[in-house]
Amino acid sequence: MQRTHLASLGLIATAVLWGGNHVVIRDIADQTDPLTLVFWRWTLSAVVLLLLGARPLWQARRILRKDLGRLRCLGVLNCVFFSLAIIGAPFGTSAANVGLIQATAPLWITVTGLLFLSEKVSLRNAIGMGLGFAGAVLLISSGPAAANISTELWWGDALALIGTLIWAGYSILLRKMQGVLHPVTLFSAIVLTGYVVLIPCYVILLLAGSSGDISILPPREIWPAVVYIGLGATLLGNLFWNLGVHALGPTTAAQFLFLAPICSIGLGTYWLDEYLSILGWLGAIMIISGLILSTVHQQEAK
């Protein structure tokens, strides 16, 4: 029971960190580019993980060598494809839109789990997920993002959806690796293998890009935001997520992502002068209710 509560607290922290991440990126979007943010977010995370996790990684070197192919796949999915999509999305749409679209992740993770892992979803869990998803839809139709949706799909919205689908696949593959290594050691290995692939991609695009497209370093004035993105949303957020998936499973852990759009809209209201209507608040209550319904069921099962 205590393990379940700690995992739940960690996943709530993940939702807050990731919800705030969209707001921070949107706020600095006119001062940098997506690839620079992706590279430096993982550079900061990789340095910290290498300093703190070098010994456990060395001790697990035989297991890592055996599962290197799967680790490399997870690393590329997270560090390259998902990162480029989810960080690039706020450059082409509102922070609220990104958070709201990412809130559909539980649906895709559940469907993927049913198809590839033969996971079972209880009626109570399904109702909780449906309630949370309906709340997210209500937020989309009544929140600040609604005013920004035009008849044409913004490229940022498309990137957010692509990133969410990639994250669903990543979460299912991550579930298959659970139990092989400690979650923190596993995450460290995933990040470092993905970062090794990210470095040449960044260098090639940096050399091939036209002047002003990609910068080597972010501007000095946005480094506090870069540190938050790299060490807060990326490092801590992913660590909490991995621990949550390990303790609760991907389907239940995904329910906590319904909190991310609430954080995005709440922080956006304060930081980006967005607002939340009465119907939007109703959607937020539905999201929280669905989350409680799903996690209470999980705790009782434990």
C-alpha atoms as a PDB file:
ATOM      1  CA  MET A   1       0.000   0.000   0.000  1.00  0.00           C
ATOM      2  CA  GLN A   2       2.799   2.432   0.886  1.00  0.00           C
ATOM      3  CA  ARG A   3       4.518   1.650  -2.395  1.00  0.00           C
ATOM      4  CA  THR A   4       1.301   2.412  -4.265  1.00  0.00           C
ATOM      5  CA  HIS A   5       0.891   5.747  -2.474  1.00  0.00           C
ATOM      6  CA  LEU A   6       4.494   6.756  -3.211  1.00  0.00           C
ATOM      7  CA  ALA A   7       4.095   5.794  -6.860  1.00  0.00           C
ATOM      8  CA  SER A   8       0.882   7.846  -7.022  1.00  0.00           C
ATOM      9  CA  LEU A   9       2.611  10.900  -5.548  1.00  0.00           C
ATOM     10  CA  GLY A  10       5.443  10.520  -8.041  1.00  0.00           C
ATOM     11  CA  LEU A  11       3.008  10.324 -10.951  1.00  0.00           C
ATOM     12  CA  ILE A  12       1.178  13.430  -9.724  1.00  0.00           C
ATOM     13  CA  ALA A  13       4.555  15.203  -9.681  1.00  0.00           C
ATOM     14  CA  THR A  14       5.145  13.960 -13.226  1.00  0.00           C
ATOM     15  CA  ALA A  15       1.848  15.453 -14.392  1.00  0.00           C
ATOM     16  CA  VAL A  16       2.701  18.800 -12.777  1.00  0.00           C
ATOM     17  CA  LEU A  17       6.198  18.858 -14.255  1.00  0.00           C
ATOM     18  CA  TRP A  18       5.023  17.871 -17.731  1.00  0.00           C
ATOM     19  CA  GLY A  19       2.051  20.224 -17.666  1.00  0.00           C
ATOM     20  CA  GLY A  20       4.347  23.095 -16.712  1.00  0.00           C
ATOM     21  CA  ASN A  21       6.816  22.015 -19.377  1.00  0.00           C
ATOM     22  CA  HIS A  22       4.407  22.946 -22.189  1.00  0.00           C
ATOM     23  CA  VAL A  23       3.863  26.393 -20.680  1.00  0.00           C
ATOM     24  CA  VAL A  24       7.589  27.066 -20.268  1.00  0.00           C
ATOM     25  CA  ILE A  25       8.366  25.979 -23.838  1.00  0.00           C
ATOM     26  CA  ARG A  26       5.557  28.125 -25.234  1.00  0.00           C
ATOM     27  CA  ASP A  27       6.854  31.088 -23.252  1.00  0.00           C
ATOM     28  CA  ILE A  28      10.375  30.858 -24.753  1.00  0.00           C
ATOM     29  CA  ALA A  29       9.364  29.639 -28.222  1.00  0.00           C
ATOM     30  CA  ASP A  30      10.357  32.923 -29.892  1.00  0.00           C
ATOM     31  CA  GLN A  31      13.873  32.820 -28.393  1.00  0.00           C
ATOM     32  CA  THR A  32      15.128  29.372 -29.418  1.00  0.00           C
ATOM     33  CA  ASP A  33      14.360  26.350 -31.597  1.00  0.00           C
ATOM     34  CA  PRO A  34      12.995  22.858 -30.789  1.00  0.00           C
ATOM     35  CA  LEU A  35      16.140  20.883 -31.655  1.00  0.00           C
ATOM     36  CA  THR A  36      18.336  23.009 -29.388  1.00  0.00           C
ATOM     37  CA  LEU A  37      15.923  22.446 -26.503  1.00  0.00           C
ATOM     38  CA  VAL A  38      15.780  18.704 -27.172  1.00  0.00           C
ATOM     39  CA  PHE A  39      19.567  18.414 -27.255  1.00  0.00           C
ATOM     40  CA  TRP A  40      20.240  20.427 -24.116  1.00  0.00           C
ATOM     41  CA  ARG A  41      17.391  18.883 -22.111  1.00  0.00           C
ATOM     42  CA  TRP A  42      18.952  15.468 -22.617  1.00  0.00           C
ATOM     43  CA  THR A  43      22.506  16.753 -22.205  1.00  0.00           C
ATOM     44  CA  LEU A  44      21.696  17.989 -18.697  1.00  0.00           C
ATOM     45  CA  SER A  45      19.834  14.779 -17.845  1.00  0.00           C
ATOM     46  CA  ALA A  46      22.538  12.512 -19.276  1.00  0.00           C
ATOM     47  CA  VAL A  47      25.302  14.246 -17.313  1.00  0.00           C
ATOM     48  CA  VAL A  48      23.428  13.900 -14.015  1.00  0.00           C
ATOM     49  CA  LEU A  49      22.472  10.273 -14.676  1.00  0.00           C
ATOM     50  CA  LEU A  50      26.025   9.386 -15.679  1.00  0.00           C
ATOM     51  CA  LEU A  51      27.465  10.971 -12.538  1.00  0.00           C
ATOM     52  CA  LEU A  52      24.966   9.354 -10.191  1.00  0.00           C
ATOM     53  CA  GLY A  53      24.335   6.069 -11.958  1.00  0.00           C
ATOM     54  CA  ALA A  54      27.707   5.047 -13.374  1.00  0.00           C
ATOM     55  CA  ARG A  55      28.284   2.348 -10.758  1.00  0.00           C
ATOM     56  CA  PRO A  56      24.853   0.633 -11.056  1.00  0.00           C
ATOM     57  CA  LEU A  57      25.184   0.750 -14.842  1.00  0.00           C
ATOM     58  CA  TRP A  58      28.607  -0.873 -14.683  1.00  0.00           C
ATOM     59  CA  GLN A  59      27.311  -3.569 -12.343  1.00  0.00           C
ATOM     60  CA  ALA A  60      24.444  -4.298 -14.745  1.00  0.00           C
ATOM     61  CA  ARG A  61      26.646  -4.238 -17.873  1.00  0.00           C
ATOM     62  CA  ARG A  62      25.979  -7.897 -18.782  1.00  0.00           C
ATOM     63  CA  ILE A  63      22.212  -7.432 -18.651  1.00  0.00           C
ATOM     64  CA  LEU A  64      22.496  -4.168 -20.575  1.00  0.00           C
ATOM     65  CA  ARG A  65      24.595  -5.816 -23.258  1.00  0.00           C
ATOM     66  CA  LYS A  66      22.038  -8.590 -23.610  1.00  0.00           C
ATOM     67  CA  ASP A  67      19.113  -6.150 -23.988  1.00  0.00           C
ATOM     68  CA  LEU A  68      21.037  -3.474 -25.902  1.00  0.00           C
ATOM     69  CA  GLY A  69      18.765  -3.629 -28.939  1.00  0.00           C
ATOM     70  CA  ARG A  70      15.606  -3.056 -26.923  1.00  0.00           C
ATOM     71  CA  LEU A  71      17.287  -0.339 -24.845  1.00  0.00           C
ATOM     72  CA  ARG A  72      18.416   1.435 -27.994  1.00  0.00           C
ATOM     73  CA  CYS A  73      14.869   1.297 -29.357  1.00  0.00           C
ATOM     74  CA  LEU A  74      13.485   2.792 -26.124  1.00  0.00           C
ATOM     75  CA  GLY A  75      16.206   5.442 -26.104  1.00  0.00           C
ATOM     76  CA  VAL A  76      15.537   6.544 -29.676  1.00  0.00           C
ATOM     77  CA  LEU A  77      11.776   6.614 -29.099  1.00  0.00           C
ATOM     78  CA  ASN A  78      12.105   8.763 -25.961  1.00  0.00           C
ATOM     79  CA  CYS A  79      15.167  10.932 -26.558  1.00  0.00           C
ATOM     80  CA  VAL A  80      14.699  11.554 -30.287  1.00  0.00           C
ATOM     81  CA  PHE A  81      11.247  10.992 -31.745  1.00  0.00           C
ATOM     82  CA  PHE A  82       9.011  11.694 -28.748  1.00  0.00           C
ATOM     83  CA  SER A  83      11.156  14.622 -27.591  1.00  0.00           C
ATOM     84  CA  LEU A  84      11.204  16.311 -30.996  1.00  0.00           C
ATOM     85  CA  ALA A  85       7.428  15.930 -31.313  1.00  0.00           C
ATOM     86  CA  ILE A  86       6.380  17.014 -27.815  1.00  0.00           C
ATOM     87  CA  ILE A  87       8.898  19.878 -27.554  1.00  0.00           C
ATOM     88  CA  GLY A  88       8.231  21.051 -31.092  1.00  0.00           C
ATOM     89  CA  ALA A  89       4.450  21.040 -30.556  1.00  0.00           C
ATOM     90  CA  PRO A  90       4.249  24.213 -28.382  1.00  0.00           C
ATOM     91  CA  PHE A  91       6.086  26.086 -31.144  1.00  0.00           C
ATOM     92  CA  GLY A  92       3.059  25.551 -33.401  1.00  0.00           C
ATOM     93  CA  THR A  93       0.098  25.667 -31.024  1.00  0.00           C
ATOM     94  CA  SER A  94      -0.884  26.707 -27.504  1.00  0.00           C
ATOM     95  CA  ALA A  95       0.481  25.082 -24.367  1.00  0.00           C
ATOM     96  CA  ALA A  96      -3.077  24.123 -23.402  1.00  0.00           C
ATOM     97  CA  ASN A  97      -3.587  22.314 -26.712  1.00  0.00           C
ATOM     98  CA  VAL A  98      -0.460  20.233 -26.179  1.00  0.00           C
ATOM     99  CA  GLY A  99      -1.473  19.290 -22.643  1.00  0.00           C
ATOM    100  CA  LEU A 100      -4.990  18.421 -23.718  1.00  0.00           C
ATOM    101  CA  ILE A 101      -3.898  16.272 -26.643  1.00  0.00           C
ATOM    102  CA  GLN A 102      -1.341  14.524 -24.454  1.00  0.00           C
ATOM    103  CA  ALA A 103      -4.192  13.729 -22.051  1.00  0.00           C
ATOM    104  CA  THR A 104      -5.432  11.202 -24.608  1.00  0.00           C
ATOM    105  CA  ALA A 105      -2.352   9.046 -23.891  1.00  0.00           C
ATOM    106  CA  PRO A 106      -4.229   6.711 -21.477  1.00  0.00           C
ATOM    107  CA  LEU A 107      -6.587   5.733 -24.283  1.00  0.00           C
ATOM    108  CA  TRP A 108      -3.746   4.838 -26.649  1.00  0.00           C
ATOM    109  CA  ILE A 109      -1.745   3.073 -23.932  1.00  0.00           C
ATOM    110  CA  THR A 110      -4.777   1.015 -22.922  1.00  0.00           C
ATOM    111  CA  VAL A 111      -5.558   0.058 -26.525  1.00  0.00           C
ATOM    112  CA  THR A 112      -1.912  -0.821 -27.155  1.00  0.00           C
ATOM    113  CA  GLY A 113      -1.778  -2.877 -23.948  1.00  0.00           C
ATOM    114  CA  LEU A 114      -4.899  -4.781 -24.931  1.00  0.00           C
ATOM    115  CA  LEU A 115      -3.493  -5.527 -28.385  1.00  0.00           C
ATOM    116  CA  PHE A 116       0.096  -6.434 -27.540  1.00  0.00           C
ATOM    117  CA  LEU A 117       0.186  -7.406 -23.852  1.00  0.00           C
ATOM    118  CA  SER A 118      -3.269  -8.979 -23.498  1.00  0.00           C
ATOM    119  CA  GLU A 119      -3.842  -6.782 -20.453  1.00  0.00           C
ATOM    120  CA  LYS A 120      -7.229  -6.846 -18.789  1.00  0.00           C
ATOM    121  CA  VAL A 121      -9.089  -3.654 -17.957  1.00  0.00           C
ATOM    122  CA  SER A 122     -11.695  -3.821 -15.214  1.00  0.00           C
ATOM    123  CA  LEU A 123     -15.059  -2.158 -15.591  1.00  0.00           C
ATOM    124  CA  ARG A 124     -14.189   0.336 -12.864  1.00  0.00           C
ATOM    125  CA  ASN A 125     -10.876   1.182 -14.513  1.00  0.00           C
ATOM    126  CA  ALA A 126     -12.577   1.569 -17.893  1.00  0.00           C
ATOM    127  CA  ILE A 127     -15.216   3.886 -16.406  1.00  0.00           C
ATOM    128  CA  GLY A 128     -12.518   5.967 -14.728  1.00  0.00           C
ATOM    129  CA  MET A 129     -10.579   6.241 -17.974  1.00  0.00           C
ATOM    130  CA  GLY A 130     -13.720   7.137 -19.901  1.00  0.00           C
ATOM    131  CA  LEU A 131     -14.662   9.795 -17.344  1.00  0.00           C
ATOM    132  CA  GLY A 132     -11.189  11.302 -17.495  1.00  0.00           C
ATOM    133  CA  PHE A 133     -11.119  11.234 -21.282  1.00  0.00           C
ATOM    134  CA  ALA A 134     -14.557  12.862 -21.445  1.00  0.00           C
ATOM    135  CA  GLY A 135     -13.284  15.554 -19.093  1.00  0.00           C
ATOM    136  CA  ALA A 136     -10.320  16.179 -21.392  1.00  0.00           C
ATOM    137  CA  VAL A 137     -12.685  16.488 -24.373  1.00  0.00           C
ATOM    138  CA  LEU A 138     -14.781  18.968 -22.404  1.00  0.00           C
ATOM    139  CA  LEU A 139     -11.650  20.980 -21.670  1.00  0.00           C
ATOM    140  CA  ILE A 140     -10.756  21.018 -25.359  1.00  0.00           C
ATOM    141  CA  SER A 141     -14.176  22.319 -26.311  1.00  0.00           C
ATOM    142  CA  SER A 142     -14.525  24.909 -23.552  1.00  0.00           C
ATOM    143  CA  GLY A 143     -11.040  25.853 -22.344  1.00  0.00           C
ATOM    144  CA  PRO A 144      -8.656  28.529 -23.619  1.00  0.00           C
ATOM    145  CA  ALA A 145      -7.414  26.225 -26.360  1.00  0.00           C
ATOM    146  CA  ALA A 146     -10.829  26.235 -28.047  1.00  0.00           C
ATOM    147  CA  ALA A 147     -10.370  29.794 -29.196  1.00  0.00           C
ATOM    148  CA  ASN A 148      -7.103  28.840 -30.873  1.00  0.00           C
ATOM    149  CA  ILE A 149      -8.427  25.906 -32.906  1.00  0.00           C
ATOM    150  CA  SER A 150      -9.092  26.935 -36.488  1.00  0.00           C
ATOM    151  CA  THR A 151     -10.653  24.996 -39.350  1.00  0.00           C
ATOM    152  CA  GLU A 152      -7.176  23.784 -40.250  1.00  0.00           C
ATOM    153  CA  LEU A 153      -5.239  21.545 -37.897  1.00  0.00           C
ATOM    154  CA  TRP A 154      -2.208  23.386 -36.570  1.00  0.00           C
ATOM    155  CA  TRP A 155       1.062  21.587 -37.185  1.00  0.00           C
ATOM    156  CA  GLY A 156       1.728  21.824 -33.456  1.00  0.00           C
ATOM    157  CA  ASP A 157      -1.445  19.850 -32.739  1.00  0.00           C
ATOM    158  CA  ALA A 158      -0.353  17.170 -35.206  1.00  0.00           C
ATOM    159  CA  LEU A 159       3.063  16.948 -33.535  1.00  0.00           C
ATOM    160  CA  ALA A 160       1.426  16.644 -30.105  1.00  0.00           C
ATOM    161  CA  LEU A 161      -0.727  13.760 -31.339  1.00  0.00           C
ATOM    162  CA  ILE A 162       2.261  12.024 -32.964  1.00  0.00           C
ATOM    163  CA  GLY A 163       4.241  12.438 -29.754  1.00  0.00           C
ATOM    164  CA  THR A 164       1.377  10.984 -27.710  1.00  0.00           C
ATOM    165  CA  LEU A 165       1.177   7.917 -29.962  1.00  0.00           C
ATOM    166  CA  ILE A 166       4.950   7.440 -29.719  1.00  0.00           C
ATOM    167  CA  TRP A 167       4.712   7.689 -25.932  1.00  0.00           C
ATOM    168  CA  ALA A 168       2.063   4.967 -25.866  1.00  0.00           C
ATOM    169  CA  GLY A 169       4.359   2.611 -27.750  1.00  0.00           C
ATOM    170  CA  TYR A 170       7.286   3.569 -25.519  1.00  0.00           C
ATOM    171  CA  SER A 171       5.284   2.867 -22.363  1.00  0.00           C
ATOM    172  CA  ILE A 172       4.280  -0.598 -23.559  1.00  0.00           C
ATOM    173  CA  LEU A 173       7.869  -1.484 -24.525  1.00  0.00           C
ATOM    174  CA  LEU A 174       9.011  -0.121 -21.175  1.00  0.00           C
ATOM    175  CA  ARG A 175       6.556  -2.421 -19.429  1.00  0.00           C
ATOM    176  CA  LYS A 176       8.202  -5.426 -21.092  1.00  0.00           C
ATOM    177  CA  MET A 177      11.543  -4.377 -19.571  1.00  0.00           C
ATOM    178  CA  GLN A 178      10.200  -4.073 -16.016  1.00  0.00           C
ATOM    179  CA  GLY A 179      11.819  -6.431 -13.545  1.00  0.00           C
ATOM    180  CA  VAL A 180      14.995  -6.795 -15.589  1.00  0.00           C
ATOM    181  CA  LEU A 181      16.678  -3.811 -13.913  1.00  0.00           C
ATOM    182  CA  HIS A 182      15.928  -1.308 -11.180  1.00  0.00           C
ATOM    183  CA  PRO A 183      13.702   1.427 -12.699  1.00  0.00           C
ATOM    184  CA  VAL A 184      16.316   4.156 -12.147  1.00  0.00           C
ATOM    185  CA  THR A 185      19.099   2.063 -13.681  1.00  0.00           C
ATOM    186  CA  LEU A 186      16.824   1.163 -16.581  1.00  0.00           C
ATOM    187  CA  PHE A 187      15.972   4.818 -17.209  1.00  0.00           C
ATOM    188  CA  SER A 188      19.658   5.784 -17.062  1.00  0.00           C
ATOM    189  CA  ALA A 189      20.488   3.143 -19.655  1.00  0.00           C
ATOM    190  CA  ILE A 190      17.624   4.267 -21.900  1.00  0.00           C
ATOM    191  CA  VAL A 191      18.674   7.913 -21.730  1.00  0.00           C
ATOM    192  CA  LEU A 192      22.354   7.269 -22.392  1.00  0.00           C
ATOM    193  CA  THR A 193      21.711   4.936 -25.342  1.00  0.00           C
ATOM    194  CA  GLY A 194      19.230   7.426 -26.804  1.00  0.00           C
ATOM    195  CA  TYR A 195      21.554  10.359 -26.196  1.00  0.00           C
ATOM    196  CA  VAL A 196      24.339   8.629 -28.130  1.00  0.00           C
ATOM    197  CA  VAL A 197      21.996   8.589 -31.151  1.00  0.00           C
ATOM    198  CA  LEU A 198      20.827  12.159 -30.542  1.00  0.00           C
ATOM    199  CA  ILE A 199      24.346  13.657 -30.641  1.00  0.00           C
ATOM    200  CA  PRO A 200      25.130  12.907 -34.322  1.00  0.00           C
ATOM    201  CA  CYS A 201      21.591  13.882 -35.341  1.00  0.00           C
ATOM    202  CA  TYR A 202      22.058  17.259 -33.654  1.00  0.00           C
ATOM    203  CA  VAL A 203      25.515  17.819 -35.146  1.00  0.00           C
ATOM    204  CA  ILE A 204      24.409  16.888 -38.680  1.00  0.00           C
ATOM    205  CA  LEU A 205      21.330  19.129 -38.558  1.00  0.00           C
ATOM    206  CA  LEU A 206      23.388  21.906 -36.961  1.00  0.00           C
ATOM    207  CA  LEU A 207      25.904  21.801 -39.807  1.00  0.00           C
ATOM    208  CA  ALA A 208      23.260  21.368 -42.515  1.00  0.00           C
ATOM    209  CA  GLY A 209      20.820  23.986 -41.210  1.00  0.00           C
ATOM    210  CA  SER A 210      20.659  27.479 -42.647  1.00  0.00           C
ATOM    211  CA  SER A 211      21.828  30.442 -40.579  1.00  0.00           C
ATOM    212  CA  GLY A 212      19.615  31.074 -37.562  1.00  0.00           C
ATOM    213  CA  ASP A 213      17.683  27.784 -37.816  1.00  0.00           C
ATOM    214  CA  ILE A 214      19.545  25.967 -35.044  1.00  0.00           C
ATOM    215  CA  SER A 215      21.784  27.444 -32.361  1.00  0.00           C
ATOM    216  CA  ILE A 216      24.630  25.745 -30.503  1.00  0.00           C
ATOM    217  CA  LEU A 217      23.590  27.201 -27.154  1.00  0.00           C
ATOM    218  CA  PRO A 218      20.250  28.635 -26.013  1.00  0.00           C
ATOM    219  CA  PRO A 219      20.290  32.371 -25.202  1.00  0.00           C
ATOM    220  CA  ARG A 220      21.590  33.185 -21.734  1.00  0.00           C
ATOM    221  CA  GLU A 221      18.291  34.643 -20.543  1.00  0.00           C
ATOM    222  CA  ILE A 222      16.344  31.414 -21.045  1.00  0.00           C
ATOM    223  CA  TRP A 223      18.794  29.050 -19.325  1.00  0.00           C
ATOM    224  CA  PRO A 224      16.643  28.858 -16.153  1.00  0.00           C
ATOM    225  CA  ALA A 225      13.839  27.559 -18.380  1.00  0.00           C
ATOM    226  CA  VAL A 226      16.228  25.104 -20.071  1.00  0.00           C
ATOM    227  CA  VAL A 227      17.339  23.803 -16.664  1.00  0.00           C
ATOM    228  CA  TYR A 228      13.709  23.293 -15.656  1.00  0.00           C
ATOM    229  CA  ILE A 229      12.985  21.453 -18.902  1.00  0.00           C
ATOM    230  CA  GLY A 230      16.116  19.304 -18.612  1.00  0.00           C
ATOM    231  CA  LEU A 231      16.323  18.500 -14.899  1.00  0.00           C
ATOM    232  CA  GLY A 232      12.703  19.005 -13.849  1.00  0.00           C
ATOM    233  CA  ALA A 233      10.329  17.879 -16.578  1.00  0.00           C
ATOM    234  CA  THR A 234      12.787  15.535 -18.298  1.00  0.00           C
ATOM    235  CA  LEU A 235      14.926  13.986 -15.553  1.00  0.00           C
ATOM    236  CA  LEU A 236      12.573  13.953 -12.554  1.00  0.00           C
ATOM    237  CA  GLY A 237       9.425  13.576 -14.654  1.00  0.00           C
ATOM    238  CA  ASN A 238      10.728  10.504 -16.476  1.00  0.00           C
ATOM    239  CA  LEU A 239      12.168   8.959 -13.317  1.00  0.00           C
ATOM    240  CA  PHE A 240       8.829   9.315 -11.536  1.00  0.00           C
ATOM    241  CA  TRP A 241       7.057   7.955 -14.602  1.00  0.00           C
ATOM    242  CA  ASN A 242       9.284   4.879 -14.816  1.00  0.00           C
ATOM    243  CA  LEU A 243       8.817   4.180 -11.106  1.00  0.00           C
ATOM    244  CA  GLY A 244       5.057   4.639 -11.477  1.00  0.00           C
ATOM    245  CA  VAL A 245       4.841   2.263 -14.432  1.00  0.00           C
ATOM    246  CA  HIS A 246       6.922  -0.261 -12.480  1.00  0.00           C
ATOM    247  CA  ALA A 247       4.642  -0.076  -9.421  1.00  0.00           C
ATOM    248  CA  LEU A 248       1.197   0.371 -10.980  1.00  0.00           C
ATOM    249  CA  GLY A 249       1.523  -0.729 -14.601  1.00  0.00           C
ATOM    250  CA  PRO A 250       1.201   1.430 -17.741  1.00  0.00           C
ATOM    251  CA  THR A 251      -2.606   1.493 -17.854  1.00  0.00           C
ATOM    252  CA  THR A 252      -3.113   2.823 -14.323  1.00  0.00           C
ATOM    253  CA  ALA A 253      -0.036   5.080 -14.451  1.00  0.00           C
ATOM    254  CA  ALA A 254      -1.389   6.640 -17.626  1.00  0.00           C
ATOM    255  CA  GLN A 255      -4.492   7.845 -15.768  1.00  0.00           C
ATOM    256  CA  PHE A 256      -2.344  10.430 -14.012  1.00  0.00           C
ATOM    257  CA  LEU A 257      -1.584  12.088 -17.352  1.00  0.00           C
ATOM    258  CA  PHE A 258      -5.148  13.413 -17.240  1.00  0.00           C
ATOM    259  CA  LEU A 259      -3.821  15.866 -14.632  1.00  0.00           C
ATOM    260  CA  ALA A 260      -1.281  17.363 -17.065  1.00  0.00           C
ATOM    261  CA  PRO A 261      -3.774  19.561 -18.984  1.00  0.00           C
ATOM    262  CA  ILE A 262      -5.104  20.920 -15.688  1.00  0.00           C
ATOM    263  CA  CYS A 263      -1.568  21.959 -14.788  1.00  0.00           C
ATOM    264  CA  SER A 264      -0.990  23.393 -18.272  1.00  0.00           C
ATOM    265  CA  ILE A 265      -4.157  25.472 -18.120  1.00  0.00           C
ATOM    266  CA  GLY A 266      -3.639  26.493 -14.494  1.00  0.00           C
ATOM    267  CA  LEU A 267      -0.074  27.649 -15.098  1.00  0.00           C
ATOM    268  CA  GLY A 268      -1.069  29.119 -18.460  1.00  0.00           C
ATOM    269  CA  THR A 269      -3.726  31.212 -16.730  1.00  0.00           C
ATOM    270  CA  TYR A 270      -1.094  32.726 -14.462  1.00  0.00           C
ATOM    271  CA  TRP A 271       1.887  32.830 -16.831  1.00  0.00           C
ATOM    272  CA  LEU A 272       0.385  33.234 -20.306  1.00  0.00           C
ATOM    273  CA  ASP A 273      -2.855  35.079 -19.459  1.00  0.00           C
ATOM    274  CA  GLU A 274      -5.078  32.160 -20.438  1.00  0.00           C
ATOM    275  CA  TYR A 275      -8.351  31.411 -18.689  1.00  0.00           C
ATOM    276  CA  LEU A 276     -10.598  28.472 -17.817  1.00  0.00           C
ATOM    277  CA  SER A 277     -14.367  28.646 -18.237  1.00  0.00           C
ATOM    278  CA  ILE A 278     -16.987  27.094 -15.961  1.00  0.00           C
ATOM    279  CA  LEU A 279     -17.344  24.149 -18.338  1.00  0.00           C
ATOM    280  CA  GLY A 280     -13.577  23.843 -18.284  1.00  0.00           C
ATOM    281  CA  TRP A 281     -13.611  23.507 -14.510  1.00  0.00           C
ATOM    282  CA  LEU A 282     -16.283  20.825 -14.877  1.00  0.00           C
ATOM    283  CA  GLY A 283     -13.952  18.962 -17.210  1.00  0.00           C
ATOM    284  CA  ALA A 284     -11.148  19.277 -14.654  1.00  0.00           C
ATOM    285  CA  ILE A 285     -13.389  17.781 -11.952  1.00  0.00           C
ATOM    286  CA  MET A 286     -14.247  14.892 -14.281  1.00  0.00           C
ATOM    287  CA  ILE A 287     -10.555  14.254 -14.895  1.00  0.00           C
ATOM    288  CA  ILE A 288      -9.763  14.137 -11.179  1.00  0.00           C
ATOM    289  CA  SER A 289     -12.817  11.938 -10.495  1.00  0.00           C
ATOM    290  CA  GLY A 290     -11.772   9.473 -13.181  1.00  0.00           C
ATOM    291  CA  LEU A 291      -8.257   9.376 -11.771  1.00  0.00           C
ATOM    292  CA  ILE A 292      -9.506   8.653  -8.250  1.00  0.00           C
ATOM    293  CA  LEU A 293     -11.877   5.971  -9.501  1.00  0.00           C
ATOM    294  CA  SER A 294      -9.064   4.154 -11.312  1.00  0.00           C
ATOM    295  CA  THR A 295      -6.390   4.437  -8.628  1.00  0.00           C
ATOM    296  CA  VAL A 296      -8.711   3.457  -5.747  1.00  0.00           C
ATOM    297  CA  HIS A 297      -9.445   0.275  -7.635  1.00  0.00           C
ATOM    298  CA  GLN A 298      -5.718  -0.335  -8.059  1.00  0.00           C
ATOM    299  CA  GLN A 299      -5.042   0.222  -4.358  1.00  0.00           C
ATOM    300  CA  GLU A 300      -7.804  -2.168  -3.347  1.00  0.00           C
ATOM    301  CA  ALA A 301      -6.351  -4.800  -5.677  1.00  0.00           C
ATOM    302  CA  LYS A 302      -2.973  -4.408  -3.971  1.00  0.00           C
END
